[in-house]
Amino acid sequence: MKKKTLFNYALILSLVLLAQAAWADTPITNWLQDPATPLARNVRDTFWFTIMMIMPFFLIAEGLLLYSVFKFRTKPGSKPATFHENVRLEIIWTLLPALTLIIIAIPAYGTLKRMEVPPQSDLVIEVVGHQFFWEYRYPKYDIVLVDKPLVVPVNKVITLNLTSVDVIHSWFVPAFGVKQDATPGRISNAWFQVLEEGTYKGQCAELCGELHAKMYITVKVVDQEDFEEWLAKQKVQSPPKLQTGASSS
């Protein structure tokens, strides 16, 4: 079998595997999970709006490329074309993408601003990354969870103050539209407001060592009554705090 044929088969197989990985329907790896928060819906809308705006350029460029490959292919030794640039055409294909980027930037800026400026918080939780587990602190209730699911009430604004004790981690729950780095010696902020009860999955999204792939995130969203019952049980079970530099704000 020719090398070119082998290369083509390998390329097709790679694309199939890549598509399968991107669209895998698992709680952790499916990056297109259904939005569970208003912020995640905003992120999803911005994503699809961006795709819609850039898709015509992709199709036109690829279409012209394929057309040129088959239309103008010649045998070795043929005389090449001698025409030069077209200033008007270059101005058009520079201005149109620039205008498109400006249009995309308007909703994108709104989404980023909404991420960075949370509404009034109902509950502040300190998140501390370790190799290879998460520690959650509830300063208001003096509760600490180590390598356990995060429990929060439904329809409440939750603010996260994130840091790390060793290397950079990243707290990523796709359904919440939240992906925030936890950096040693620094406190980062994120927020979410889940509208439906349930259990949501995530994973550390920053390569942090040999067990990075096993650094899972589980968030249980319950109603206020169940949350208060859970708090009462945890107050007598919570272990002492691990030493880090995180603090609520």
C-alpha atoms as a PDB file:
ATOM      1  CA  MET A   1       0.000   0.000   0.000  1.00  0.00           C
ATOM      2  CA  LYS A   2       1.345   3.428  -0.935  1.00  0.00           C
ATOM      3  CA  LYS A   3       2.501   5.834   1.772  1.00  0.00           C
ATOM      4  CA  LYS A   4       0.016   8.444   0.564  1.00  0.00           C
ATOM      5  CA  THR A   5      -2.883   6.009   0.965  1.00  0.00           C
ATOM      6  CA  LEU A   6      -1.729   5.076   4.465  1.00  0.00           C
ATOM      7  CA  PHE A   7      -1.498   8.747   5.355  1.00  0.00           C
ATOM      8  CA  ASN A   8      -5.048   9.376   4.125  1.00  0.00           C
ATOM      9  CA  TYR A   9      -6.419   6.472   6.166  1.00  0.00           C
ATOM     10  CA  ALA A  10      -4.547   7.668   9.255  1.00  0.00           C
ATOM     11  CA  LEU A  11      -5.884  11.198   8.779  1.00  0.00           C
ATOM     12  CA  ILE A  12      -9.486   9.992   8.448  1.00  0.00           C
ATOM     13  CA  LEU A  13      -9.134   7.768  11.521  1.00  0.00           C
ATOM     14  CA  SER A  14      -7.676  10.657  13.528  1.00  0.00           C
ATOM     15  CA  LEU A  15     -10.566  12.932  12.575  1.00  0.00           C
ATOM     16  CA  VAL A  16     -13.114  10.264  13.541  1.00  0.00           C
ATOM     17  CA  LEU A  17     -11.460   9.717  16.933  1.00  0.00           C
ATOM     18  CA  LEU A  18     -11.223  13.463  17.528  1.00  0.00           C
ATOM     19  CA  ALA A  19     -14.912  13.941  16.743  1.00  0.00           C
ATOM     20  CA  GLN A  20     -15.832  11.034  19.007  1.00  0.00           C
ATOM     21  CA  ALA A  21     -13.821  12.504  21.887  1.00  0.00           C
ATOM     22  CA  ALA A  22     -15.316  15.969  21.431  1.00  0.00           C
ATOM     23  CA  TRP A  23     -18.903  14.718  21.368  1.00  0.00           C
ATOM     24  CA  ALA A  24     -18.574  11.848  23.856  1.00  0.00           C
ATOM     25  CA  ASP A  25     -21.769  11.641  25.880  1.00  0.00           C
ATOM     26  CA  THR A  26     -20.292  11.188  29.356  1.00  0.00           C
ATOM     27  CA  PRO A  27     -20.857  13.322  32.472  1.00  0.00           C
ATOM     28  CA  ILE A  28     -17.292  14.621  32.464  1.00  0.00           C
ATOM     29  CA  THR A  29     -15.939  14.745  28.916  1.00  0.00           C
ATOM     30  CA  ASN A  30     -19.016  16.126  27.182  1.00  0.00           C
ATOM     31  CA  TRP A  31     -18.088  19.797  26.905  1.00  0.00           C
ATOM     32  CA  LEU A  32     -21.453  20.561  25.271  1.00  0.00           C
ATOM     33  CA  GLN A  33     -23.546  19.657  28.304  1.00  0.00           C
ATOM     34  CA  ASP A  34     -26.983  21.228  28.618  1.00  0.00           C
ATOM     35  CA  PRO A  35     -26.704  24.565  30.464  1.00  0.00           C
ATOM     36  CA  ALA A  36     -27.816  24.413  34.095  1.00  0.00           C
ATOM     37  CA  THR A  37     -27.226  28.090  34.910  1.00  0.00           C
ATOM     38  CA  PRO A  38     -28.102  31.420  33.259  1.00  0.00           C
ATOM     39  CA  LEU A  39     -24.377  32.032  32.806  1.00  0.00           C
ATOM     40  CA  ALA A  40     -23.915  28.719  30.982  1.00  0.00           C
ATOM     41  CA  ARG A  41     -26.816  29.565  28.679  1.00  0.00           C
ATOM     42  CA  ASN A  42     -25.192  32.893  27.936  1.00  0.00           C
ATOM     43  CA  VAL A  43     -21.897  31.140  27.152  1.00  0.00           C
ATOM     44  CA  ARG A  44     -23.677  28.630  24.901  1.00  0.00           C
ATOM     45  CA  ASP A  45     -25.533  31.375  23.024  1.00  0.00           C
ATOM     46  CA  THR A  46     -22.277  33.280  22.499  1.00  0.00           C
ATOM     47  CA  PHE A  47     -20.582  30.112  21.265  1.00  0.00           C
ATOM     48  CA  TRP A  48     -23.225  29.334  18.646  1.00  0.00           C
ATOM     49  CA  PHE A  49     -23.468  32.986  17.589  1.00  0.00           C
ATOM     50  CA  THR A  50     -19.704  33.000  16.986  1.00  0.00           C
ATOM     51  CA  ILE A  51     -19.919  29.765  14.989  1.00  0.00           C
ATOM     52  CA  MET A  52     -22.747  31.215  12.889  1.00  0.00           C
ATOM     53  CA  MET A  53     -20.752  34.362  12.132  1.00  0.00           C
ATOM     54  CA  ILE A  54     -17.504  32.641  11.134  1.00  0.00           C
ATOM     55  CA  MET A  55     -19.001  29.660   9.292  1.00  0.00           C
ATOM     56  CA  PRO A  56     -19.560  31.562   5.985  1.00  0.00           C
ATOM     57  CA  PHE A  57     -15.866  32.507   5.907  1.00  0.00           C
ATOM     58  CA  PHE A  58     -14.855  28.910   6.554  1.00  0.00           C
ATOM     59  CA  LEU A  59     -17.143  27.542   3.845  1.00  0.00           C
ATOM     60  CA  ILE A  60     -16.095  30.168   1.296  1.00  0.00           C
ATOM     61  CA  ALA A  61     -12.385  29.663   1.992  1.00  0.00           C
ATOM     62  CA  GLU A  62     -12.572  25.869   1.861  1.00  0.00           C
ATOM     63  CA  GLY A  63     -14.834  25.981  -1.185  1.00  0.00           C
ATOM     64  CA  LEU A  64     -12.427  28.236  -3.079  1.00  0.00           C
ATOM     65  CA  LEU A  65      -9.523  26.033  -2.030  1.00  0.00           C
ATOM     66  CA  LEU A  66     -11.160  22.863  -3.336  1.00  0.00           C
ATOM     67  CA  TYR A  67     -12.304  24.642  -6.495  1.00  0.00           C
ATOM     68  CA  SER A  68      -8.785  25.902  -7.168  1.00  0.00           C
ATOM     69  CA  VAL A  69      -7.214  22.507  -6.506  1.00  0.00           C
ATOM     70  CA  PHE A  70      -9.332  20.789  -9.142  1.00  0.00           C
ATOM     71  CA  LYS A  71      -9.895  23.674 -11.563  1.00  0.00           C
ATOM     72  CA  PHE A  72      -6.334  24.918 -11.921  1.00  0.00           C
ATOM     73  CA  ARG A  73      -4.241  21.833 -11.376  1.00  0.00           C
ATOM     74  CA  THR A  74      -1.748  21.253 -14.156  1.00  0.00           C
ATOM     75  CA  LYS A  75       1.000  18.829 -14.977  1.00  0.00           C
ATOM     76  CA  PRO A  76       4.600  19.425 -13.865  1.00  0.00           C
ATOM     77  CA  GLY A  77       6.425  21.828 -16.155  1.00  0.00           C
ATOM     78  CA  SER A  78       3.374  23.957 -16.994  1.00  0.00           C
ATOM     79  CA  LYS A  79       3.810  27.717 -17.134  1.00  0.00           C
ATOM     80  CA  PRO A  80       2.507  29.370 -13.931  1.00  0.00           C
ATOM     81  CA  ALA A  81       0.068  32.276 -13.881  1.00  0.00           C
ATOM     82  CA  THR A  82       1.547  35.765 -13.971  1.00  0.00           C
ATOM     83  CA  PHE A  83      -1.276  37.930 -12.582  1.00  0.00           C
ATOM     84  CA  HIS A  84      -0.711  40.053  -9.461  1.00  0.00           C
ATOM     85  CA  GLU A  85      -2.743  41.285  -6.508  1.00  0.00           C
ATOM     86  CA  ASN A  86      -6.223  42.786  -6.641  1.00  0.00           C
ATOM     87  CA  VAL A  87      -6.288  45.760  -4.262  1.00  0.00           C
ATOM     88  CA  ARG A  88     -10.071  46.067  -4.203  1.00  0.00           C
ATOM     89  CA  LEU A  89     -10.505  42.376  -3.407  1.00  0.00           C
ATOM     90  CA  GLU A  90      -7.886  42.541  -0.645  1.00  0.00           C
ATOM     91  CA  ILE A  91      -9.635  45.525   0.944  1.00  0.00           C
ATOM     92  CA  ILE A  92     -12.953  43.660   0.888  1.00  0.00           C
ATOM     93  CA  TRP A  93     -11.603  40.452   2.421  1.00  0.00           C
ATOM     94  CA  THR A  94      -9.849  42.490   5.112  1.00  0.00           C
ATOM     95  CA  LEU A  95     -12.790  44.713   6.045  1.00  0.00           C
ATOM     96  CA  LEU A  96     -15.426  41.963   6.115  1.00  0.00           C
ATOM     97  CA  PRO A  97     -13.601  39.757   8.672  1.00  0.00           C
ATOM     98  CA  ALA A  98     -12.722  42.849  10.725  1.00  0.00           C
ATOM     99  CA  LEU A  99     -16.372  43.901  10.800  1.00  0.00           C
ATOM    100  CA  THR A 100     -17.385  40.354  11.721  1.00  0.00           C
ATOM    101  CA  LEU A 101     -14.947  40.326  14.645  1.00  0.00           C
ATOM    102  CA  ILE A 102     -16.418  43.597  15.913  1.00  0.00           C
ATOM    103  CA  ILE A 103     -19.929  42.128  15.735  1.00  0.00           C
ATOM    104  CA  ILE A 104     -18.767  38.996  17.596  1.00  0.00           C
ATOM    105  CA  ALA A 105     -17.006  41.109  20.230  1.00  0.00           C
ATOM    106  CA  ILE A 106     -20.217  42.842  21.326  1.00  0.00           C
ATOM    107  CA  PRO A 107     -22.016  39.792  22.833  1.00  0.00           C
ATOM    108  CA  ALA A 108     -18.678  38.235  23.826  1.00  0.00           C
ATOM    109  CA  TYR A 109     -17.818  41.287  25.923  1.00  0.00           C
ATOM    110  CA  GLY A 110     -21.208  41.097  27.627  1.00  0.00           C
ATOM    111  CA  THR A 111     -20.647  37.423  28.447  1.00  0.00           C
ATOM    112  CA  LEU A 112     -17.154  38.049  29.836  1.00  0.00           C
ATOM    113  CA  LYS A 113     -18.369  40.985  31.915  1.00  0.00           C
ATOM    114  CA  ARG A 114     -21.157  38.851  33.351  1.00  0.00           C
ATOM    115  CA  MET A 115     -18.594  36.214  34.323  1.00  0.00           C
ATOM    116  CA  GLU A 116     -16.355  38.752  36.035  1.00  0.00           C
ATOM    117  CA  VAL A 117     -19.056  40.768  37.838  1.00  0.00           C
ATOM    118  CA  PRO A 118     -21.283  38.418  39.868  1.00  0.00           C
ATOM    119  CA  PRO A 119     -24.561  39.517  41.442  1.00  0.00           C
ATOM    120  CA  GLN A 120     -24.983  39.709  45.215  1.00  0.00           C
ATOM    121  CA  SER A 121     -23.752  36.417  46.652  1.00  0.00           C
ATOM    122  CA  ASP A 122     -25.958  34.156  48.779  1.00  0.00           C
ATOM    123  CA  LEU A 123     -23.136  31.784  49.737  1.00  0.00           C
ATOM    124  CA  VAL A 124     -19.337  32.072  49.585  1.00  0.00           C
ATOM    125  CA  ILE A 125     -17.295  28.875  49.273  1.00  0.00           C
ATOM    126  CA  GLU A 126     -13.513  28.608  49.331  1.00  0.00           C
ATOM    127  CA  VAL A 127     -12.151  26.067  46.845  1.00  0.00           C
ATOM    128  CA  VAL A 128      -8.624  24.751  47.374  1.00  0.00           C
ATOM    129  CA  GLY A 129      -6.932  22.562  44.783  1.00  0.00           C
ATOM    130  CA  HIS A 130      -4.587  19.762  45.862  1.00  0.00           C
ATOM    131  CA  GLN A 131      -2.811  17.029  43.948  1.00  0.00           C
ATOM    132  CA  PHE A 132      -5.222  15.381  43.240  1.00  0.00           C
ATOM    133  CA  PHE A 133      -8.418  16.346  45.042  1.00  0.00           C
ATOM    134  CA  TRP A 134     -10.526  19.358  45.969  1.00  0.00           C
ATOM    135  CA  GLU A 135     -11.121  20.922  49.362  1.00  0.00           C
ATOM    136  CA  TYR A 136     -14.274  22.986  49.931  1.00  0.00           C
ATOM    137  CA  ARG A 137     -14.693  25.403  52.828  1.00  0.00           C
ATOM    138  CA  TYR A 138     -17.922  27.036  53.972  1.00  0.00           C
ATOM    139  CA  PRO A 139     -16.632  29.958  56.113  1.00  0.00           C
ATOM    140  CA  LYS A 140     -20.130  31.039  57.125  1.00  0.00           C
ATOM    141  CA  TYR A 141     -20.833  27.625  58.656  1.00  0.00           C
ATOM    142  CA  ASP A 142     -17.270  26.595  59.635  1.00  0.00           C
ATOM    143  CA  ILE A 143     -17.514  23.442  57.505  1.00  0.00           C
ATOM    144  CA  VAL A 144     -14.728  21.839  55.479  1.00  0.00           C
ATOM    145  CA  LEU A 145     -15.115  19.083  52.883  1.00  0.00           C
ATOM    146  CA  VAL A 146     -12.068  17.187  51.645  1.00  0.00           C
ATOM    147  CA  ASP A 147     -12.367  15.067  48.508  1.00  0.00           C
ATOM    148  CA  LYS A 148     -16.163  15.059  48.787  1.00  0.00           C
ATOM    149  CA  PRO A 149     -18.979  16.408  46.599  1.00  0.00           C
ATOM    150  CA  LEU A 150     -19.725  20.106  46.837  1.00  0.00           C
ATOM    151  CA  VAL A 151     -23.277  20.669  48.102  1.00  0.00           C
ATOM    152  CA  VAL A 152     -25.131  23.914  47.340  1.00  0.00           C
ATOM    153  CA  PRO A 153     -28.745  25.127  47.452  1.00  0.00           C
ATOM    154  CA  VAL A 154     -30.729  25.521  44.254  1.00  0.00           C
ATOM    155  CA  ASN A 155     -31.450  28.953  42.769  1.00  0.00           C
ATOM    156  CA  LYS A 156     -28.871  30.700  44.967  1.00  0.00           C
ATOM    157  CA  VAL A 157     -25.899  32.763  43.818  1.00  0.00           C
ATOM    158  CA  ILE A 158     -22.770  30.833  44.801  1.00  0.00           C
ATOM    159  CA  THR A 159     -19.421  32.633  44.813  1.00  0.00           C
ATOM    160  CA  LEU A 160     -16.224  30.579  44.666  1.00  0.00           C
ATOM    161  CA  ASN A 161     -12.858  31.828  45.921  1.00  0.00           C
ATOM    162  CA  LEU A 162     -10.286  29.506  44.387  1.00  0.00           C
ATOM    163  CA  THR A 163      -6.640  28.863  45.194  1.00  0.00           C
ATOM    164  CA  SER A 164      -4.167  25.959  45.295  1.00  0.00           C
ATOM    165  CA  VAL A 165      -1.510  24.621  47.650  1.00  0.00           C
ATOM    166  CA  ASP A 166       0.810  23.068  45.060  1.00  0.00           C
ATOM    167  CA  VAL A 167       0.380  23.564  41.295  1.00  0.00           C
ATOM    168  CA  ILE A 168      -2.163  25.255  39.044  1.00  0.00           C
ATOM    169  CA  HIS A 169      -5.507  23.461  38.848  1.00  0.00           C
ATOM    170  CA  SER A 170      -8.695  24.486  37.059  1.00  0.00           C
ATOM    171  CA  TRP A 171     -12.223  24.045  38.432  1.00  0.00           C
ATOM    172  CA  PHE A 172     -14.373  23.178  35.420  1.00  0.00           C
ATOM    173  CA  VAL A 173     -18.060  22.229  35.408  1.00  0.00           C
ATOM    174  CA  PRO A 174     -19.357  22.569  31.818  1.00  0.00           C
ATOM    175  CA  ALA A 175     -23.042  22.648  32.779  1.00  0.00           C
ATOM    176  CA  PHE A 176     -22.377  25.719  34.960  1.00  0.00           C
ATOM    177  CA  GLY A 177     -20.383  27.612  32.341  1.00  0.00           C
ATOM    178  CA  VAL A 178     -17.558  27.890  34.884  1.00  0.00           C
ATOM    179  CA  LYS A 179     -13.880  27.196  34.254  1.00  0.00           C
ATOM    180  CA  GLN A 180     -11.573  29.018  36.648  1.00  0.00           C
ATOM    181  CA  ASP A 181      -7.916  28.413  37.486  1.00  0.00           C
ATOM    182  CA  ALA A 182      -6.839  27.744  41.067  1.00  0.00           C
ATOM    183  CA  THR A 183      -3.339  29.199  41.373  1.00  0.00           C
ATOM    184  CA  PRO A 184      -0.919  28.904  44.327  1.00  0.00           C
ATOM    185  CA  GLY A 185      -0.578  32.174  46.228  1.00  0.00           C
ATOM    186  CA  ARG A 186      -3.481  33.795  44.431  1.00  0.00           C
ATOM    187  CA  ILE A 187      -7.261  33.883  44.897  1.00  0.00           C
ATOM    188  CA  SER A 188      -9.461  33.728  41.798  1.00  0.00           C
ATOM    189  CA  ASN A 189     -13.213  34.181  41.741  1.00  0.00           C
ATOM    190  CA  ALA A 190     -16.091  32.516  39.935  1.00  0.00           C
ATOM    191  CA  TRP A 191     -19.830  32.256  40.471  1.00  0.00           C
ATOM    192  CA  PHE A 192     -22.881  30.293  39.399  1.00  0.00           C
ATOM    193  CA  GLN A 193     -26.592  29.990  40.094  1.00  0.00           C
ATOM    194  CA  VAL A 194     -28.067  26.573  39.357  1.00  0.00           C
ATOM    195  CA  LEU A 195     -31.763  26.616  38.496  1.00  0.00           C
ATOM    196  CA  GLU A 196     -32.495  22.886  38.789  1.00  0.00           C
ATOM    197  CA  GLU A 197     -31.706  20.322  41.455  1.00  0.00           C
ATOM    198  CA  GLY A 198     -29.442  17.457  40.504  1.00  0.00           C
ATOM    199  CA  THR A 199     -25.897  16.140  40.463  1.00  0.00           C
ATOM    200  CA  TYR A 200     -23.444  17.799  38.094  1.00  0.00           C
ATOM    201  CA  LYS A 201     -20.024  16.555  37.050  1.00  0.00           C
ATOM    202  CA  GLY A 202     -16.784  18.274  36.173  1.00  0.00           C
ATOM    203  CA  GLN A 203     -13.044  17.776  36.207  1.00  0.00           C
ATOM    204  CA  CYS A 204      -9.778  19.607  36.714  1.00  0.00           C
ATOM    205  CA  ALA A 205      -9.018  21.227  33.359  1.00  0.00           C
ATOM    206  CA  GLU A 206      -5.361  22.121  33.941  1.00  0.00           C
ATOM    207  CA  LEU A 207      -2.704  19.417  33.589  1.00  0.00           C
ATOM    208  CA  CYS A 208      -1.470  19.079  37.171  1.00  0.00           C
ATOM    209  CA  GLY A 209       0.336  15.751  37.415  1.00  0.00           C
ATOM    210  CA  GLU A 210       0.065  12.025  36.909  1.00  0.00           C
ATOM    211  CA  LEU A 211      -3.435  11.711  38.431  1.00  0.00           C
ATOM    212  CA  HIS A 212      -4.841  14.808  36.746  1.00  0.00           C
ATOM    213  CA  ALA A 213      -7.359  12.712  34.779  1.00  0.00           C
ATOM    214  CA  LYS A 214      -8.822  11.402  38.050  1.00  0.00           C
ATOM    215  CA  MET A 215      -9.312  14.807  39.680  1.00  0.00           C
ATOM    216  CA  TYR A 216     -13.085  14.837  39.347  1.00  0.00           C
ATOM    217  CA  ILE A 217     -15.633  17.386  40.518  1.00  0.00           C
ATOM    218  CA  THR A 218     -19.110  16.528  41.776  1.00  0.00           C
ATOM    219  CA  VAL A 219     -21.656  19.186  42.706  1.00  0.00           C
ATOM    220  CA  LYS A 220     -24.941  18.250  44.356  1.00  0.00           C
ATOM    221  CA  VAL A 221     -27.653  20.887  44.062  1.00  0.00           C
ATOM    222  CA  VAL A 222     -30.484  20.484  46.577  1.00  0.00           C
ATOM    223  CA  ASP A 223     -33.430  22.535  47.799  1.00  0.00           C
ATOM    224  CA  GLN A 224     -32.999  24.901  50.748  1.00  0.00           C
ATOM    225  CA  GLU A 225     -34.580  22.554  53.286  1.00  0.00           C
ATOM    226  CA  ASP A 226     -32.328  19.641  52.317  1.00  0.00           C
ATOM    227  CA  PHE A 227     -29.330  21.971  52.337  1.00  0.00           C
ATOM    228  CA  GLU A 228     -30.042  23.077  55.897  1.00  0.00           C
ATOM    229  CA  GLU A 229     -30.401  19.447  56.992  1.00  0.00           C
ATOM    230  CA  TRP A 230     -27.094  18.641  55.318  1.00  0.00           C
ATOM    231  CA  LEU A 231     -25.451  21.592  57.107  1.00  0.00           C
ATOM    232  CA  ALA A 232     -26.667  20.337  60.475  1.00  0.00           C
ATOM    233  CA  LYS A 233     -25.120  16.915  59.843  1.00  0.00           C
ATOM    234  CA  GLN A 234     -21.824  18.315  58.575  1.00  0.00           C
ATOM    235  CA  LYS A 235     -21.166  20.665  61.481  1.00  0.00           C
ATOM    236  CA  VAL A 236     -20.230  17.762  63.732  1.00  0.00           C
ATOM    237  CA  GLN A 237     -18.397  15.779  61.033  1.00  0.00           C
ATOM    238  CA  SER A 238     -16.243  18.415  59.310  1.00  0.00           C
ATOM    239  CA  PRO A 239     -12.449  17.788  59.603  1.00  0.00           C
ATOM    240  CA  PRO A 240      -9.984  20.549  60.556  1.00  0.00           C
ATOM    241  CA  LYS A 241      -8.933  22.926  57.793  1.00  0.00           C
ATOM    242  CA  LEU A 242      -5.905  22.162  55.669  1.00  0.00           C
ATOM    243  CA  GLN A 243      -3.344  24.960  55.676  1.00  0.00           C
ATOM    244  CA  THR A 244      -3.647  27.246  52.626  1.00  0.00           C
ATOM    245  CA  GLY A 245      -3.842  30.923  51.830  1.00  0.00           C
ATOM    246  CA  ALA A 246      -7.499  31.012  50.779  1.00  0.00           C
ATOM    247  CA  SER A 247      -9.849  33.475  52.418  1.00  0.00           C
ATOM    248  CA  SER A 248     -13.378  34.593  51.684  1.00  0.00           C
ATOM    249  CA  SER A 249     -14.202  37.948  50.250  1.00  0.00           C
END
